[in-house]
Amino acid sequence: MKREEYSAHNFIGKVFMPNQIDENKTYTAAIQEMENDPIFKKFVEDNGYENERASLVVFGPENFMFWYGVLADYKQMPVSGLNKFELPNSKIAEIDTPNSNMAFFSQPLNFVIPTFLDKLSKEGVTVYENLGDSEKPYVLTKLNLETKKLAQILYLDASSDDDSK
């Protein structure tokens, strides 16, 4: 686990709501739809993101949004048909996993997120019981398809910087 300052980024892709989860409690169908989308394919090819994929879960007090796409430079803008979510400059806590692949994104969020947050808690990171109460309610996962390195990232509130809340 590492902590570091993370620069501002734009997440570019599409947002999916909780009612779009499939019977296996995953977004597998939505992700496959994105991977087959000619607009998304062209965007990643034209902008050098062929080996990058990412998901972003943005929590609210009583709900969440799931994003799928790529993590881009903060100056990168989406094309028509894709959306942008601006992620702020922030301190983050990150856990890296080698030898990962696209199958990671097909796991149920109600397994992946608690497992990740539990690992962070065991490393001494203060985690909100409800991430939607956080100033920065973002859980980002990015995968480099070439290196097979998966990074799970929690954006930390200012109060988390010193491990007290």
N, C-alpha and C. Protein backbone atom coordinates (compact mmCIF):
# COMPACT_ATOMS: atom_id res chain seq x y z
N MET A 1 0.85 -1.17 0.00
CA MET A 1 0.00 0.00 0.00
C MET A 1 0.89 1.23 0.00
N LYS A 2 0.49 2.19 -0.77
CA LYS A 2 1.24 3.44 -0.77
C LYS A 2 0.28 4.62 -0.68
N ARG A 3 0.80 5.70 -0.15
CA ARG A 3 0.07 6.98 -0.09
C ARG A 3 0.89 7.97 -0.87
N GLU A 4 0.20 8.79 -1.63
CA GLU A 4 0.92 9.82 -2.37
C GLU A 4 -0.05 10.91 -2.81
N GLU A 5 0.52 11.97 -3.32
CA GLU A 5 -0.27 13.05 -3.91
C GLU A 5 -0.58 12.64 -5.35
N TYR A 6 -1.82 12.81 -5.75
CA TYR A 6 -2.25 12.41 -7.08
C TYR A 6 -2.77 13.64 -7.79
N SER A 7 -2.29 13.90 -8.99
CA SER A 7 -2.70 15.10 -9.72
C SER A 7 -4.14 14.97 -10.21
N ALA A 8 -4.70 16.10 -10.59
CA ALA A 8 -6.06 16.11 -11.14
C ALA A 8 -6.09 15.35 -12.46
N HIS A 9 -7.19 14.65 -12.68
CA HIS A 9 -7.39 13.87 -13.91
C HIS A 9 -8.83 14.04 -14.38
N ASN A 10 -9.06 13.72 -15.62
CA ASN A 10 -10.40 13.57 -16.14
C ASN A 10 -10.64 12.09 -16.37
N PHE A 11 -11.75 11.61 -15.87
CA PHE A 11 -12.16 10.25 -16.17
C PHE A 11 -13.08 10.37 -17.38
N ILE A 12 -12.76 9.65 -18.43
CA ILE A 12 -13.55 9.75 -19.66
C ILE A 12 -14.13 8.39 -20.00
N GLY A 13 -15.43 8.37 -20.16
CA GLY A 13 -16.12 7.12 -20.46
C GLY A 13 -17.61 7.33 -20.38
N LYS A 14 -18.29 6.36 -19.79
CA LYS A 14 -19.74 6.46 -19.60
C LYS A 14 -20.08 6.08 -18.18
N VAL A 15 -21.19 6.65 -17.72
CA VAL A 15 -21.68 6.39 -16.37
C VAL A 15 -22.84 5.39 -16.45
N PHE A 16 -22.87 4.50 -15.47
CA PHE A 16 -23.92 3.49 -15.37
C PHE A 16 -24.51 3.56 -13.96
N MET A 17 -25.81 3.46 -13.88
CA MET A 17 -26.50 3.61 -12.60
C MET A 17 -26.69 2.24 -11.93
N PRO A 18 -27.02 2.23 -10.64
CA PRO A 18 -27.19 0.96 -9.93
C PRO A 18 -28.23 0.03 -10.56
N ASN A 19 -29.26 0.59 -11.19
CA ASN A 19 -30.28 -0.27 -11.80
C ASN A 19 -29.79 -0.97 -13.07
N GLN A 20 -28.56 -0.70 -13.48
CA GLN A 20 -27.99 -1.36 -14.66
C GLN A 20 -27.09 -2.55 -14.29
N ILE A 21 -27.03 -2.88 -13.00
CA ILE A 21 -26.29 -4.05 -12.56
C ILE A 21 -27.02 -5.29 -13.07
N ASP A 22 -26.26 -6.28 -13.53
CA ASP A 22 -26.89 -7.50 -14.04
C ASP A 22 -27.23 -8.47 -12.91
N GLU A 23 -27.77 -9.63 -13.28
CA GLU A 23 -28.21 -10.61 -12.28
C GLU A 23 -27.06 -11.15 -11.42
N ASN A 24 -25.82 -11.01 -11.89
CA ASN A 24 -24.66 -11.43 -11.12
C ASN A 24 -24.08 -10.31 -10.26
N LYS A 25 -24.82 -9.19 -10.20
CA LYS A 25 -24.42 -8.01 -9.44
C LYS A 25 -23.13 -7.39 -9.97
N THR A 26 -22.99 -7.41 -11.30
CA THR A 26 -21.83 -6.82 -11.96
C THR A 26 -22.29 -5.88 -13.07
N TYR A 27 -21.32 -5.19 -13.62
CA TYR A 27 -21.56 -4.32 -14.79
C TYR A 27 -20.94 -4.94 -16.04
N THR A 28 -20.84 -6.24 -16.07
CA THR A 28 -20.18 -6.93 -17.19
C THR A 28 -20.80 -6.56 -18.54
N ALA A 29 -22.11 -6.56 -18.63
CA ALA A 29 -22.78 -6.23 -19.90
C ALA A 29 -22.49 -4.79 -20.31
N ALA A 30 -22.52 -3.87 -19.35
CA ALA A 30 -22.24 -2.46 -19.64
C ALA A 30 -20.80 -2.29 -20.12
N ILE A 31 -19.87 -2.99 -19.47
CA ILE A 31 -18.47 -2.91 -19.85
C ILE A 31 -18.27 -3.46 -21.26
N GLN A 32 -18.90 -4.58 -21.56
CA GLN A 32 -18.78 -5.16 -22.90
C GLN A 32 -19.37 -4.22 -23.95
N GLU A 33 -20.47 -3.58 -23.60
CA GLU A 33 -21.08 -2.58 -24.49
C GLU A 33 -20.09 -1.46 -24.79
N MET A 34 -19.40 -0.99 -23.74
CA MET A 34 -18.39 0.07 -23.94
C MET A 34 -17.24 -0.42 -24.80
N GLU A 35 -16.74 -1.63 -24.52
CA GLU A 35 -15.61 -2.16 -25.28
C GLU A 35 -15.96 -2.33 -26.76
N ASN A 36 -17.23 -2.54 -27.06
CA ASN A 36 -17.69 -2.70 -28.44
C ASN A 36 -18.11 -1.39 -29.08
N ASP A 37 -18.18 -0.32 -28.31
CA ASP A 37 -18.65 0.97 -28.80
C ASP A 37 -17.60 1.58 -29.73
N PRO A 38 -17.97 1.83 -31.01
CA PRO A 38 -16.99 2.40 -31.95
C PRO A 38 -16.47 3.77 -31.53
N ILE A 39 -17.28 4.56 -30.84
CA ILE A 39 -16.84 5.89 -30.37
C ILE A 39 -15.74 5.72 -29.33
N PHE A 40 -15.95 4.80 -28.37
CA PHE A 40 -14.95 4.55 -27.33
C PHE A 40 -13.68 3.96 -27.95
N LYS A 41 -13.84 3.00 -28.84
CA LYS A 41 -12.68 2.38 -29.50
C LYS A 41 -11.83 3.44 -30.20
N LYS A 42 -12.49 4.31 -30.96
CA LYS A 42 -11.77 5.35 -31.70
C LYS A 42 -11.11 6.33 -30.73
N PHE A 43 -11.80 6.70 -29.66
CA PHE A 43 -11.24 7.63 -28.68
C PHE A 43 -9.96 7.07 -28.07
N VAL A 44 -9.98 5.81 -27.62
CA VAL A 44 -8.78 5.25 -26.98
C VAL A 44 -7.65 5.11 -27.99
N GLU A 45 -7.99 4.76 -29.21
CA GLU A 45 -6.96 4.62 -30.25
C GLU A 45 -6.36 5.98 -30.63
N ASP A 46 -7.21 6.97 -30.84
CA ASP A 46 -6.75 8.30 -31.25
C ASP A 46 -5.94 9.02 -30.18
N ASN A 47 -6.15 8.65 -28.90
CA ASN A 47 -5.51 9.37 -27.80
C ASN A 47 -4.48 8.56 -27.03
N GLY A 48 -4.15 7.38 -27.55
CA GLY A 48 -3.08 6.58 -26.95
C GLY A 48 -3.45 5.85 -25.67
N TYR A 49 -4.72 5.52 -25.50
CA TYR A 49 -5.17 4.81 -24.30
C TYR A 49 -5.48 3.33 -24.57
N GLU A 50 -4.93 2.77 -25.64
CA GLU A 50 -5.25 1.39 -25.99
C GLU A 50 -4.97 0.40 -24.86
N ASN A 51 -3.93 0.65 -24.07
CA ASN A 51 -3.56 -0.27 -23.00
C ASN A 51 -4.07 0.15 -21.63
N GLU A 52 -5.00 1.08 -21.60
CA GLU A 52 -5.51 1.59 -20.32
C GLU A 52 -7.02 1.36 -20.23
N ARG A 53 -7.47 0.92 -19.07
CA ARG A 53 -8.89 0.85 -18.76
C ARG A 53 -9.05 1.22 -17.31
N ALA A 54 -10.21 1.75 -16.97
CA ALA A 54 -10.44 2.16 -15.60
C ALA A 54 -11.93 2.13 -15.27
N SER A 55 -12.18 2.00 -13.99
CA SER A 55 -13.54 2.16 -13.48
C SER A 55 -13.47 3.15 -12.33
N LEU A 56 -14.56 3.81 -12.11
CA LEU A 56 -14.66 4.80 -11.05
C LEU A 56 -16.02 4.63 -10.40
N VAL A 57 -16.02 4.50 -9.08
CA VAL A 57 -17.28 4.47 -8.34
C VAL A 57 -17.34 5.76 -7.55
N VAL A 58 -18.39 6.53 -7.80
CA VAL A 58 -18.62 7.79 -7.11
C VAL A 58 -19.81 7.57 -6.17
N PHE A 59 -19.53 7.67 -4.88
CA PHE A 59 -20.55 7.39 -3.88
C PHE A 59 -21.30 8.64 -3.48
N GLY A 60 -22.58 8.51 -3.24
CA GLY A 60 -23.41 9.53 -2.65
C GLY A 60 -23.88 9.01 -1.30
N PRO A 61 -24.57 9.83 -0.52
CA PRO A 61 -25.01 9.38 0.80
C PRO A 61 -25.88 8.12 0.74
N GLU A 62 -26.66 7.96 -0.33
CA GLU A 62 -27.58 6.81 -0.39
C GLU A 62 -27.49 6.04 -1.70
N ASN A 63 -26.54 6.38 -2.57
CA ASN A 63 -26.45 5.69 -3.85
C ASN A 63 -25.03 5.81 -4.40
N PHE A 64 -24.83 5.38 -5.62
CA PHE A 64 -23.53 5.49 -6.25
C PHE A 64 -23.71 5.51 -7.77
N MET A 65 -22.64 5.92 -8.45
CA MET A 65 -22.57 5.85 -9.91
C MET A 65 -21.32 5.05 -10.26
N PHE A 66 -21.43 4.22 -11.26
CA PHE A 66 -20.29 3.43 -11.74
C PHE A 66 -19.90 3.97 -13.11
N TRP A 67 -18.64 4.34 -13.25
CA TRP A 67 -18.10 4.82 -14.51
C TRP A 67 -17.15 3.77 -15.07
N TYR A 68 -17.13 3.67 -16.38
CA TYR A 68 -16.15 2.80 -17.04
C TYR A 68 -15.56 3.57 -18.21
N GLY A 69 -14.25 3.47 -18.37
CA GLY A 69 -13.58 4.17 -19.46
C GLY A 69 -12.08 4.19 -19.25
N VAL A 70 -11.51 5.39 -19.30
CA VAL A 70 -10.07 5.57 -19.12
C VAL A 70 -9.81 6.77 -18.22
N LEU A 71 -8.69 6.71 -17.52
CA LEU A 71 -8.23 7.84 -16.73
C LEU A 71 -7.32 8.64 -17.63
N ALA A 72 -7.66 9.90 -17.82
CA ALA A 72 -6.94 10.73 -18.77
C ALA A 72 -6.32 11.94 -18.07
N ASP A 73 -5.43 12.59 -18.75
CA ASP A 73 -4.86 13.85 -18.29
C ASP A 73 -6.01 14.83 -18.06
N TYR A 74 -5.82 15.75 -17.12
CA TYR A 74 -6.88 16.69 -16.80
C TYR A 74 -7.24 17.61 -17.97
N LYS A 75 -6.36 17.71 -18.96
CA LYS A 75 -6.65 18.56 -20.13
C LYS A 75 -7.45 17.81 -21.20
N GLN A 76 -7.44 16.48 -21.12
CA GLN A 76 -8.12 15.65 -22.13
C GLN A 76 -9.62 15.85 -22.04
N MET A 77 -10.23 16.10 -23.16
CA MET A 77 -11.68 16.27 -23.21
C MET A 77 -12.30 15.10 -23.96
N PRO A 78 -13.53 14.76 -23.60
CA PRO A 78 -14.19 13.65 -24.28
C PRO A 78 -14.71 14.08 -25.65
N VAL A 79 -14.99 13.11 -26.47
CA VAL A 79 -15.65 13.36 -27.75
C VAL A 79 -17.15 13.18 -27.53
N SER A 80 -17.93 13.60 -28.48
CA SER A 80 -19.38 13.42 -28.40
C SER A 80 -19.68 11.93 -28.25
N GLY A 81 -20.54 11.60 -27.29
CA GLY A 81 -20.88 10.20 -27.03
C GLY A 81 -20.19 9.65 -25.79
N LEU A 82 -19.21 10.39 -25.27
CA LEU A 82 -18.55 10.01 -24.03
C LEU A 82 -18.69 11.15 -23.03
N ASN A 83 -18.57 10.82 -21.75
CA ASN A 83 -18.71 11.80 -20.69
C ASN A 83 -17.40 11.98 -19.94
N LYS A 84 -17.34 13.05 -19.17
CA LYS A 84 -16.14 13.37 -18.39
C LYS A 84 -16.52 13.56 -16.93
N PHE A 85 -15.68 13.03 -16.04
CA PHE A 85 -15.81 13.30 -14.61
C PHE A 85 -14.47 13.85 -14.15
N GLU A 86 -14.48 15.03 -13.54
CA GLU A 86 -13.24 15.67 -13.11
C GLU A 86 -12.86 15.19 -11.72
N LEU A 87 -11.70 14.55 -11.63
CA LEU A 87 -11.17 14.09 -10.36
C LEU A 87 -10.16 15.12 -9.87
N PRO A 88 -10.26 15.55 -8.61
CA PRO A 88 -9.39 16.62 -8.11
C PRO A 88 -8.00 16.12 -7.76
N ASN A 89 -7.08 17.07 -7.64
CA ASN A 89 -5.78 16.80 -7.05
C ASN A 89 -6.06 16.34 -5.62
N SER A 90 -5.42 15.27 -5.18
CA SER A 90 -5.74 14.73 -3.87
C SER A 90 -4.65 13.82 -3.35
N LYS A 91 -4.63 13.65 -2.06
CA LYS A 91 -3.85 12.56 -1.48
C LYS A 91 -4.67 11.30 -1.70
N ILE A 92 -3.97 10.22 -1.98
CA ILE A 92 -4.65 8.96 -2.25
C ILE A 92 -3.96 7.84 -1.48
N ALA A 93 -4.70 6.76 -1.30
CA ALA A 93 -4.13 5.51 -0.81
C ALA A 93 -4.33 4.50 -1.94
N GLU A 94 -3.27 3.77 -2.27
CA GLU A 94 -3.31 2.87 -3.44
C GLU A 94 -2.79 1.49 -3.08
N ILE A 95 -3.48 0.50 -3.59
CA ILE A 95 -3.03 -0.88 -3.49
C ILE A 95 -2.89 -1.41 -4.91
N ASP A 96 -1.70 -1.91 -5.21
CA ASP A 96 -1.41 -2.44 -6.54
C ASP A 96 -1.46 -3.97 -6.52
N THR A 97 -1.96 -4.52 -7.62
CA THR A 97 -2.03 -5.96 -7.78
C THR A 97 -1.44 -6.32 -9.13
N PRO A 98 -0.37 -7.12 -9.14
CA PRO A 98 0.22 -7.54 -10.42
C PRO A 98 -0.61 -8.67 -11.04
N ASN A 99 -0.34 -8.94 -12.30
CA ASN A 99 -0.95 -10.06 -13.02
C ASN A 99 -2.47 -10.03 -13.03
N SER A 100 -3.05 -8.88 -13.26
CA SER A 100 -4.50 -8.73 -13.35
C SER A 100 -4.91 -8.62 -14.80
N ASN A 101 -6.21 -8.72 -15.03
CA ASN A 101 -6.73 -8.60 -16.39
C ASN A 101 -8.14 -8.01 -16.35
N MET A 102 -8.76 -7.95 -17.50
CA MET A 102 -10.09 -7.34 -17.63
C MET A 102 -11.14 -8.04 -16.78
N ALA A 103 -10.92 -9.30 -16.43
CA ALA A 103 -11.90 -10.03 -15.63
C ALA A 103 -12.13 -9.36 -14.27
N PHE A 104 -11.15 -8.59 -13.80
CA PHE A 104 -11.34 -7.89 -12.53
C PHE A 104 -12.59 -7.02 -12.56
N PHE A 105 -12.84 -6.35 -13.68
CA PHE A 105 -13.98 -5.44 -13.79
C PHE A 105 -15.32 -6.17 -13.81
N SER A 106 -15.30 -7.49 -13.96
CA SER A 106 -16.53 -8.27 -13.99
C SER A 106 -16.88 -8.88 -12.63
N GLN A 107 -16.15 -8.50 -11.60
CA GLN A 107 -16.47 -8.96 -10.26
C GLN A 107 -17.54 -8.06 -9.64
N PRO A 108 -18.36 -8.61 -8.76
CA PRO A 108 -19.39 -7.79 -8.11
C PRO A 108 -18.77 -6.67 -7.26
N LEU A 109 -19.30 -5.46 -7.41
CA LEU A 109 -18.80 -4.33 -6.63
C LEU A 109 -18.99 -4.55 -5.14
N ASN A 110 -20.06 -5.27 -4.76
CA ASN A 110 -20.31 -5.49 -3.33
C ASN A 110 -19.30 -6.49 -2.74
N PHE A 111 -18.42 -7.04 -3.56
CA PHE A 111 -17.29 -7.84 -3.09
C PHE A 111 -15.99 -7.03 -3.22
N VAL A 112 -15.78 -6.42 -4.38
CA VAL A 112 -14.53 -5.73 -4.68
C VAL A 112 -14.28 -4.54 -3.76
N ILE A 113 -15.27 -3.69 -3.59
CA ILE A 113 -15.09 -2.46 -2.81
C ILE A 113 -14.83 -2.78 -1.32
N PRO A 114 -15.66 -3.60 -0.66
CA PRO A 114 -15.38 -3.90 0.75
C PRO A 114 -14.03 -4.60 0.96
N THR A 115 -13.64 -5.46 0.05
CA THR A 115 -12.35 -6.14 0.16
C THR A 115 -11.21 -5.12 0.10
N PHE A 116 -11.29 -4.20 -0.84
CA PHE A 116 -10.29 -3.14 -0.98
C PHE A 116 -10.25 -2.26 0.27
N LEU A 117 -11.41 -1.82 0.73
CA LEU A 117 -11.46 -0.93 1.90
C LEU A 117 -10.95 -1.65 3.16
N ASP A 118 -11.22 -2.94 3.26
CA ASP A 118 -10.71 -3.72 4.39
C ASP A 118 -9.19 -3.78 4.37
N LYS A 119 -8.60 -3.96 3.20
CA LYS A 119 -7.14 -3.97 3.08
C LYS A 119 -6.56 -2.62 3.51
N LEU A 120 -7.21 -1.53 3.09
CA LEU A 120 -6.73 -0.20 3.48
C LEU A 120 -6.83 0.00 5.00
N SER A 121 -7.95 -0.42 5.58
CA SER A 121 -8.12 -0.28 7.03
C SER A 121 -7.04 -1.04 7.78
N LYS A 122 -6.70 -2.22 7.30
CA LYS A 122 -5.65 -3.02 7.95
C LYS A 122 -4.28 -2.36 7.83
N GLU A 123 -4.14 -1.46 6.84
CA GLU A 123 -2.89 -0.71 6.67
C GLU A 123 -2.91 0.63 7.41
N GLY A 124 -3.99 0.87 8.17
CA GLY A 124 -4.05 2.08 8.98
C GLY A 124 -4.71 3.27 8.32
N VAL A 125 -5.35 3.07 7.18
CA VAL A 125 -6.05 4.17 6.50
C VAL A 125 -7.45 4.29 7.09
N THR A 126 -7.81 5.52 7.46
CA THR A 126 -9.15 5.77 7.97
C THR A 126 -10.13 5.77 6.80
N VAL A 127 -11.16 4.94 6.92
CA VAL A 127 -12.14 4.80 5.84
C VAL A 127 -13.53 5.09 6.42
N TYR A 128 -14.29 5.90 5.72
CA TYR A 128 -15.66 6.18 6.14
C TYR A 128 -16.50 4.91 6.07
N GLU A 129 -17.40 4.75 7.02
CA GLU A 129 -18.33 3.62 6.98
C GLU A 129 -19.20 3.73 5.73
N ASN A 130 -19.64 4.96 5.43
CA ASN A 130 -20.38 5.24 4.19
C ASN A 130 -19.52 6.21 3.39
N LEU A 131 -18.92 5.73 2.32
CA LEU A 131 -18.04 6.59 1.51
C LEU A 131 -18.77 7.82 0.97
N GLY A 132 -20.08 7.75 0.86
CA GLY A 132 -20.86 8.89 0.40
C GLY A 132 -20.81 10.08 1.34
N ASP A 133 -20.36 9.86 2.58
CA ASP A 133 -20.21 10.96 3.55
C ASP A 133 -18.87 11.67 3.42
N SER A 134 -17.99 11.13 2.60
CA SER A 134 -16.65 11.67 2.41
C SER A 134 -16.67 12.91 1.52
N GLU A 135 -15.66 13.77 1.69
CA GLU A 135 -15.51 14.94 0.80
C GLU A 135 -15.14 14.50 -0.62
N LYS A 136 -14.42 13.39 -0.71
CA LYS A 136 -13.95 12.86 -2.00
C LYS A 136 -14.37 11.39 -2.08
N PRO A 137 -15.63 11.15 -2.42
CA PRO A 137 -16.16 9.79 -2.35
C PRO A 137 -15.85 8.95 -3.60
N TYR A 138 -14.56 8.80 -3.90
CA TYR A 138 -14.15 8.18 -5.15
C TYR A 138 -13.29 6.94 -4.90
N VAL A 139 -13.66 5.86 -5.55
CA VAL A 139 -12.81 4.67 -5.61
C VAL A 139 -12.51 4.44 -7.09
N LEU A 140 -11.25 4.56 -7.42
CA LEU A 140 -10.78 4.44 -8.79
C LEU A 140 -10.00 3.14 -8.95
N THR A 141 -10.25 2.45 -10.03
CA THR A 141 -9.47 1.25 -10.36
C THR A 141 -8.95 1.44 -11.78
N LYS A 142 -7.66 1.28 -11.94
CA LYS A 142 -7.10 1.41 -13.28
C LYS A 142 -6.23 0.19 -13.57
N LEU A 143 -6.31 -0.24 -14.82
CA LEU A 143 -5.60 -1.43 -15.27
C LEU A 143 -4.77 -1.09 -16.49
N ASN A 144 -3.50 -1.44 -16.43
CA ASN A 144 -2.65 -1.34 -17.61
C ASN A 144 -2.69 -2.71 -18.28
N LEU A 145 -3.28 -2.78 -19.47
CA LEU A 145 -3.46 -4.06 -20.16
C LEU A 145 -2.13 -4.67 -20.62
N GLU A 146 -1.13 -3.83 -20.81
CA GLU A 146 0.17 -4.32 -21.26
C GLU A 146 0.98 -4.91 -20.10
N THR A 147 1.07 -4.18 -18.99
CA THR A 147 1.85 -4.65 -17.85
C THR A 147 1.04 -5.55 -16.92
N LYS A 148 -0.28 -5.54 -17.08
CA LYS A 148 -1.22 -6.29 -16.25
C LYS A 148 -1.23 -5.83 -14.79
N LYS A 149 -0.80 -4.58 -14.57
CA LYS A 149 -0.81 -4.01 -13.22
C LYS A 149 -2.15 -3.33 -12.98
N LEU A 150 -2.77 -3.72 -11.88
CA LEU A 150 -4.04 -3.15 -11.46
C LEU A 150 -3.78 -2.27 -10.24
N ALA A 151 -4.31 -1.07 -10.25
CA ALA A 151 -4.19 -0.16 -9.11
C ALA A 151 -5.58 0.20 -8.63
N GLN A 152 -5.83 -0.03 -7.33
CA GLN A 152 -7.08 0.40 -6.71
C GLN A 152 -6.73 1.59 -5.84
N ILE A 153 -7.51 2.67 -5.99
CA ILE A 153 -7.17 3.95 -5.38
C ILE A 153 -8.37 4.52 -4.64
N LEU A 154 -8.12 4.95 -3.40
CA LEU A 154 -9.13 5.66 -2.63
C LEU A 154 -8.65 7.10 -2.49
N TYR A 155 -9.51 8.04 -2.86
CA TYR A 155 -9.20 9.46 -2.66
C TYR A 155 -9.43 9.78 -1.19
N LEU A 156 -8.46 10.44 -0.58
CA LEU A 156 -8.52 10.73 0.85
C LEU A 156 -8.97 12.15 1.12
N ASP A 157 -9.82 12.30 2.12
CA ASP A 157 -10.21 13.63 2.59
C ASP A 157 -9.04 14.26 3.32
N ALA A 158 -9.09 15.55 3.50
CA ALA A 158 -8.04 16.24 4.25
C ALA A 158 -7.91 15.64 5.64
N SER A 159 -9.02 15.26 6.26
CA SER A 159 -8.98 14.67 7.61
C SER A 159 -8.33 13.30 7.61
N SER A 160 -8.24 12.65 6.46
CA SER A 160 -7.59 11.33 6.38
C SER A 160 -6.09 11.43 6.23
N ASP A 161 -5.60 12.63 5.90
CA ASP A 161 -4.17 12.80 5.66
C ASP A 161 -3.34 12.45 6.88
N ASP A 162 -3.90 12.69 8.08
CA ASP A 162 -3.14 12.40 9.28
C ASP A 162 -3.69 11.19 10.03
N ASP A 163 -4.49 10.41 9.33
CA ASP A 163 -5.10 9.19 9.88
C ASP A 163 -6.05 9.47 11.04
N SER A 164 -6.54 10.67 11.13
CA SER A 164 -7.54 10.95 12.18
C SER A 164 -8.77 11.55 11.54
N LYS A 165 -9.89 11.33 12.18
CA LYS A 165 -11.13 11.84 11.65
C LYS A 165 -12.05 12.20 12.79
